[in-house]
């Protein structure tokens, strides 16, 4: 497990506090029918979690990168969803191009495979911190204050590298890769964990994790399908280890994220649409279980809906 994990109070004491915290928060959360009870997203930050100690450890390991990710903690975060993207491009993003592209400036953070930790600038000298309204998905942009966005640069450009060649390359001993089966480095998972916990701390609750593909299901025929080959099990275990928790998850599950070869889904029900449209009684998106085909119209796209 990553070095950012912190040993908290004595396990015998922590066990009781953990059970009490889990029971109290579970009682106030409405779970969807297919949502696992292991999901602790939207729970309050565990009371034993020492924020100062955690960020001191992050600063020790990652220095300025950790400080950039933390941002300015005096500003609270309003977002509910933590959206994971990938660029499908090179290992290190071109930060000059990011700042020159108004669409890319809507992303809150870019993480390259080896060195890049970059926040776009909404205007010269002002970085796009977590509390600043961003944009990065077509449907999420209809309620942008509820989403924060992180772009990961994949180790390999999967658009030009065949799956077989990609797996062969990752099966070779490459520093910082979780063997084969993921397109991202251990460093990226560490920094993404710091980003997730930074946002959650400033919100006061654990954000719900989702993906770009999930938010933009069936928006258009060229809607995105990222992130590809992301290891949710490793990521959730890493977050849990930082919080002194085991066996918990924080949002979308791997089977849902990997459904139908991870490609964009046209003609499926978009579960974020009722949320962004503020339909009565809808306080969250039901991103659990098997995606459902849009009733009566297998080619339905949400791009034409008001």
Protein backbone atom coordinates (compact mmCIF):
# COMPACT_ATOMS: atom_id res chain seq x y z
CA UNK A 1 0.00 0.00 0.00
CA UNK A 2 1.07 3.57 -0.60
CA UNK A 3 3.26 5.51 1.79
CA UNK A 4 0.57 8.17 2.18
CA UNK A 5 -1.37 5.82 4.44
CA UNK A 6 -1.25 6.91 8.07
CA UNK A 7 -1.48 4.76 11.20
CA UNK A 8 -4.18 6.30 13.35
CA UNK A 9 -5.13 5.52 16.95
CA UNK A 10 -4.96 2.08 18.52
CA UNK A 11 -6.98 -0.43 16.48
CA UNK A 12 -9.00 -1.67 19.46
CA UNK A 13 -10.17 1.87 20.17
CA UNK A 14 -10.62 2.78 16.52
CA UNK A 15 -12.80 -0.27 15.91
CA UNK A 16 -15.58 0.96 18.20
CA UNK A 17 -15.43 4.53 16.92
CA UNK A 18 -15.51 3.26 13.34
CA UNK A 19 -18.61 1.14 13.99
CA UNK A 20 -20.42 4.06 15.63
CA UNK A 21 -19.50 6.42 12.80
CA UNK A 22 -20.60 3.94 10.14
CA UNK A 23 -23.93 3.22 11.83
CA UNK A 24 -24.78 6.89 12.42
CA UNK A 25 -23.99 7.93 8.84
CA UNK A 26 -25.66 4.90 7.26
CA UNK A 27 -28.88 5.74 9.09
CA UNK A 28 -29.04 9.15 7.41
CA UNK A 29 -28.15 8.05 3.87
CA UNK A 30 -30.68 6.74 1.36
CA UNK A 31 -29.08 3.93 -0.62
CA UNK A 32 -30.22 3.06 -4.14
CA UNK A 33 -31.51 -0.47 -4.65
CA UNK A 34 -28.32 -1.70 -6.32
CA UNK A 35 -25.91 0.50 -4.38
CA UNK A 36 -23.55 -1.48 -2.14
CA UNK A 37 -23.81 -0.78 1.57
CA UNK A 38 -20.01 -0.45 1.52
CA UNK A 39 -20.43 2.98 -0.05
CA UNK A 40 -19.48 5.69 2.44
CA UNK A 41 -19.65 8.62 0.02
CA UNK A 42 -21.54 11.60 1.48
CA UNK A 43 -20.68 10.40 4.98
CA UNK A 44 -19.13 12.95 7.31
CA UNK A 45 -15.33 13.00 7.54
CA UNK A 46 -14.37 10.41 10.20
CA UNK A 47 -13.75 12.21 13.52
CA UNK A 48 -10.48 10.36 14.15
CA UNK A 49 -9.02 11.52 10.83
CA UNK A 50 -6.23 14.01 11.62
CA UNK A 51 -6.27 16.41 8.68
CA UNK A 52 -3.09 18.17 9.77
CA UNK A 53 -1.16 14.95 10.14
CA UNK A 54 -2.39 13.65 6.80
CA UNK A 55 -1.39 16.74 4.85
CA UNK A 56 1.94 16.93 6.66
CA UNK A 57 2.60 13.40 5.41
CA UNK A 58 1.55 14.39 1.89
CA UNK A 59 3.85 17.42 1.97
CA UNK A 60 6.71 15.25 3.19
CA UNK A 61 6.26 12.84 0.29
CA UNK A 62 5.22 15.17 -2.55
CA UNK A 63 6.20 18.71 -1.56
CA UNK A 64 4.88 21.41 -3.87
CA UNK A 65 2.73 18.91 -5.75
CA UNK A 66 0.74 18.24 -2.57
CA UNK A 67 0.41 21.97 -1.88
CA UNK A 68 -0.90 22.58 -5.40
CA UNK A 69 -3.49 19.84 -5.00
CA UNK A 70 -4.60 21.04 -1.57
CA UNK A 71 -5.32 24.54 -2.84
CA UNK A 72 -6.65 27.20 -0.46
CA UNK A 73 -8.52 25.44 2.38
CA UNK A 74 -10.16 28.64 3.61
CA UNK A 75 -12.67 28.33 0.75
CA UNK A 76 -15.28 25.56 1.23
CA UNK A 77 -16.17 23.21 -1.62
CA UNK A 78 -19.82 22.87 -2.67
CA UNK A 79 -19.46 19.97 -5.11
CA UNK A 80 -21.04 16.59 -4.53
CA UNK A 81 -19.31 14.62 -7.32
CA UNK A 82 -15.62 13.92 -7.96
CA UNK A 83 -15.31 13.16 -11.68
CA UNK A 84 -12.36 11.14 -12.98
CA UNK A 85 -11.29 11.74 -16.60
CA UNK A 86 -8.34 10.76 -18.72
CA UNK A 87 -6.81 12.69 -21.59
CA UNK A 88 -6.13 9.66 -23.85
CA UNK A 89 -3.05 11.65 -24.83
CA UNK A 90 0.60 11.73 -23.87
CA UNK A 91 2.15 10.86 -20.52
CA UNK A 92 2.62 14.55 -19.68
CA UNK A 93 -0.03 17.07 -20.77
CA UNK A 94 0.97 20.26 -22.59
CA UNK A 95 0.19 22.82 -19.90
CA UNK A 96 0.59 25.76 -22.29
CA UNK A 97 -2.12 24.33 -24.52
CA UNK A 98 -4.38 23.78 -21.53
CA UNK A 99 -4.31 27.43 -20.54
CA UNK A 100 -4.91 28.46 -24.15
CA UNK A 101 -8.03 26.29 -24.50
CA UNK A 102 -11.18 27.63 -22.82
CA UNK A 103 -12.72 24.14 -22.62
CA UNK A 104 -9.71 22.64 -20.89
CA UNK A 105 -9.61 25.50 -18.38
CA UNK A 106 -12.80 24.08 -16.90
CA UNK A 107 -10.90 21.11 -15.45
CA UNK A 108 -9.73 21.56 -11.86
CA UNK A 109 -6.53 19.49 -12.00
CA UNK A 110 -4.29 17.66 -14.47
CA UNK A 111 -2.02 14.82 -13.30
CA UNK A 112 0.68 13.49 -15.61
CA UNK A 113 2.26 10.10 -15.16
CA UNK A 114 5.65 11.28 -13.87
CA UNK A 115 5.75 14.97 -13.02
CA UNK A 116 2.83 17.19 -14.06
CA UNK A 117 0.55 18.58 -11.35
CA UNK A 118 -1.24 21.48 -12.98
CA UNK A 119 -4.25 23.63 -12.28
CA UNK A 120 -5.57 25.58 -15.29
CA UNK A 121 -5.97 29.33 -14.92
CA UNK A 122 -9.45 30.77 -15.40
CA UNK A 123 -7.68 34.10 -15.86
CA UNK A 124 -4.01 35.10 -15.64
CA UNK A 125 -2.54 34.41 -12.21
CA UNK A 126 -5.69 32.77 -10.79
CA UNK A 127 -5.67 28.97 -10.62
CA UNK A 128 -8.84 26.90 -10.89
CA UNK A 129 -9.10 25.81 -7.24
CA UNK A 130 -11.63 23.21 -6.01
CA UNK A 131 -14.17 25.81 -4.88
CA UNK A 132 -14.22 27.51 -8.31
CA UNK A 133 -17.00 26.37 -10.63
CA UNK A 134 -15.50 24.26 -13.40
CA UNK A 135 -16.76 22.25 -16.34
CA UNK A 136 -15.72 19.01 -17.99
CA UNK A 137 -18.82 17.00 -18.94
CA UNK A 138 -21.72 17.91 -21.21
CA UNK A 139 -24.48 16.95 -18.81
CA UNK A 140 -22.64 17.89 -15.63
CA UNK A 141 -22.10 21.36 -17.05
CA UNK A 142 -25.82 21.98 -16.63
CA UNK A 143 -25.23 22.04 -12.87
CA UNK A 144 -21.48 22.71 -12.68
CA UNK A 145 -21.27 23.70 -9.04
CA UNK A 146 -21.94 20.05 -8.12
CA UNK A 147 -18.86 18.62 -9.87
CA UNK A 148 -15.08 18.81 -9.64
CA UNK A 149 -12.96 17.38 -12.45
CA UNK A 150 -9.54 15.69 -12.57
CA UNK A 151 -7.77 14.64 -15.78
CA UNK A 152 -5.23 11.80 -15.67
CA UNK A 153 -2.76 11.33 -18.50
CA UNK A 154 -2.60 7.59 -19.26
CA UNK A 155 0.72 5.78 -19.32
CA UNK A 156 -0.02 4.68 -22.88
CA UNK A 157 -2.10 6.37 -25.54
CA UNK A 158 -4.77 3.69 -25.87
CA UNK A 159 -6.17 5.25 -29.03
CA UNK A 160 -3.04 4.32 -30.98
CA UNK A 161 -1.74 1.34 -29.00
CA UNK A 162 -3.58 -1.95 -29.37
CA UNK A 163 -4.92 -3.56 -26.20
CA UNK A 164 -2.68 -6.60 -26.70
CA UNK A 165 0.43 -4.48 -27.13
CA UNK A 166 -0.57 -2.34 -24.16
CA UNK A 167 -0.92 -5.37 -21.89
CA UNK A 168 2.39 -6.72 -23.15
CA UNK A 169 4.10 -3.42 -22.40
CA UNK A 170 2.67 -3.22 -18.90
CA UNK A 171 3.60 -6.83 -18.17
CA UNK A 172 7.25 -5.77 -18.40
CA UNK A 173 8.61 -4.44 -15.12
CA UNK A 174 7.92 -0.71 -15.36
CA UNK A 175 8.47 1.46 -12.31
CA UNK A 176 5.29 2.86 -10.83
CA UNK A 177 2.80 0.61 -12.62
CA UNK A 178 0.47 -1.79 -10.80
CA UNK A 179 1.63 -4.70 -12.98
CA UNK A 180 -0.77 -4.95 -15.95
CA UNK A 181 -4.40 -3.96 -16.22
CA UNK A 182 -4.28 -0.27 -15.36
CA UNK A 183 -3.32 2.70 -17.49
CA UNK A 184 -2.05 4.86 -14.63
CA UNK A 185 0.91 5.01 -12.28
CA UNK A 186 1.09 4.54 -8.54
CA UNK A 187 2.05 8.20 -8.26
CA UNK A 188 -1.15 9.22 -10.05
CA UNK A 189 -3.27 7.12 -7.69
CA UNK A 190 -1.49 8.71 -4.70
CA UNK A 191 -2.02 12.24 -5.97
CA UNK A 192 -5.61 11.51 -6.97
CA UNK A 193 -6.23 10.29 -3.41
CA UNK A 194 -4.84 13.55 -2.04
CA UNK A 195 -7.10 15.44 -4.45
CA UNK A 196 -10.17 13.47 -3.43
CA UNK A 197 -9.53 13.90 0.29
CA UNK A 198 -8.68 17.60 -0.15
CA UNK A 199 -12.05 18.21 -1.78
CA UNK A 200 -13.90 16.09 0.76
CA UNK A 201 -12.30 17.84 3.72
CA UNK A 202 -13.26 21.24 2.33
CA UNK A 203 -16.80 19.97 1.70
CA UNK A 204 -17.08 18.35 5.13
CA UNK A 205 -18.28 15.09 3.56
CA UNK A 206 -16.77 12.37 1.41
CA UNK A 207 -17.57 13.20 -2.21
CA UNK A 208 -19.19 10.68 -4.54
CA UNK A 209 -16.78 9.35 -7.17
CA UNK A 210 -17.93 8.97 -10.75
CA UNK A 211 -16.48 8.94 -14.26
CA UNK A 212 -16.72 11.16 -17.32
CA UNK A 213 -18.38 8.33 -19.25
CA UNK A 214 -21.03 7.82 -16.58
CA UNK A 215 -22.00 11.50 -16.41
CA UNK A 216 -22.25 11.78 -20.21
CA UNK A 217 -24.01 8.49 -21.01
CA UNK A 218 -25.97 8.88 -24.28
CA UNK A 219 -25.44 12.61 -24.53
CA UNK A 220 -24.21 12.34 -28.09
CA UNK A 221 -22.76 9.78 -30.45
CA UNK A 222 -19.25 11.01 -29.67
CA UNK A 223 -19.63 11.31 -25.90
CA UNK A 224 -16.54 10.31 -23.97
CA UNK A 225 -15.59 6.91 -22.56
CA UNK A 226 -12.93 7.83 -20.03
CA UNK A 227 -11.22 6.88 -17.81
CA UNK A 228 -10.10 3.65 -19.44
CA UNK A 229 -8.48 0.84 -17.45
CA UNK A 230 -8.75 2.59 -14.09
CA UNK A 231 -8.27 0.37 -11.01
CA UNK A 232 -11.18 1.29 -8.72
CA UNK A 233 -10.36 -1.46 -6.22
CA UNK A 234 -6.86 -0.14 -5.67
CA UNK A 235 -8.04 3.49 -5.53
CA UNK A 236 -10.83 2.83 -3.03
CA UNK A 237 -8.53 0.75 -0.84
CA UNK A 238 -6.00 3.56 -0.90
CA UNK A 239 -8.53 6.19 0.17
CA UNK A 240 -9.83 3.86 2.88
CA UNK A 241 -6.34 3.21 4.23
CA UNK A 242 -5.79 6.95 4.58
CA UNK A 243 -9.04 7.27 6.54
CA UNK A 244 -8.47 4.24 8.79
CA UNK A 245 -11.23 2.30 6.99
CA UNK A 246 -11.27 -1.12 5.32
CA UNK A 247 -13.72 -2.75 2.94
CA UNK A 248 -15.41 0.51 1.92
CA UNK A 249 -16.13 2.17 -1.43
CA UNK A 250 -16.78 5.77 -2.42
CA UNK A 251 -19.17 5.80 -5.37
CA UNK A 252 -19.35 4.12 -8.75
CA UNK A 253 -18.35 0.44 -8.75
CA UNK A 254 -15.89 -1.23 -11.12
CA UNK A 255 -18.51 -3.42 -12.81
CA UNK A 256 -20.56 -0.36 -13.75
CA UNK A 257 -17.51 1.63 -14.88
CA UNK A 258 -16.28 -1.26 -17.02
CA UNK A 259 -19.67 -2.24 -18.47
CA UNK A 260 -19.79 -2.90 -22.23
CA UNK A 261 -16.04 -2.66 -22.80
CA UNK A 262 -15.87 0.83 -21.21
CA UNK A 263 -17.05 2.54 -24.41
CA UNK A 264 -19.56 5.37 -24.74
CA UNK A 265 -23.15 4.20 -24.47
CA UNK A 266 -25.74 5.66 -26.83
CA UNK A 267 -29.40 4.89 -26.18
CA UNK A 268 -29.00 4.24 -22.45
CA UNK A 269 -30.73 5.99 -19.57
CA UNK A 270 -28.56 8.78 -18.23
CA UNK A 271 -28.88 8.76 -14.46
CA UNK A 272 -27.34 12.21 -14.04
CA UNK A 273 -29.99 13.91 -16.17
CA UNK A 274 -32.68 14.00 -13.43
CA UNK A 275 -30.08 15.30 -10.96
CA UNK A 276 -28.78 18.17 -13.10
CA UNK A 277 -32.36 19.09 -14.08
CA UNK A 278 -33.28 19.26 -10.40
CA UNK A 279 -36.23 16.96 -10.77
CA UNK A 280 -38.29 16.77 -7.55
CA UNK A 281 -36.97 14.26 -5.05
CA UNK A 282 -33.76 13.54 -6.97
CA UNK A 283 -30.78 14.31 -4.71
CA UNK A 284 -28.25 11.99 -6.36
CA UNK A 285 -27.64 9.97 -9.52
CA UNK A 286 -28.35 6.26 -9.46
CA UNK A 287 -25.05 5.08 -10.98
CA UNK A 288 -25.37 1.52 -9.66
CA UNK A 289 -26.30 -1.83 -11.17
CA UNK A 290 -26.48 -2.57 -14.89
CA UNK A 291 -27.19 0.47 -17.13
CA UNK A 292 -30.68 0.43 -18.62
CA UNK A 293 -31.60 0.99 -22.25
CA UNK A 294 -33.69 4.08 -22.93
CA UNK A 295 -37.32 2.86 -23.14
CA UNK A 296 -38.85 2.84 -26.59
CA UNK A 297 -35.95 4.55 -28.36
CA UNK A 298 -32.70 2.56 -28.67
CA UNK A 299 -30.97 5.50 -30.41
CA UNK A 300 -31.94 8.17 -27.89
CA UNK A 301 -29.42 10.97 -27.31
CA UNK A 302 -29.87 13.60 -24.62
CA UNK A 303 -28.24 16.35 -26.64
CA UNK A 304 -31.61 17.38 -28.09
CA UNK A 305 -33.47 17.51 -24.79
CA UNK A 306 -34.17 20.95 -23.30
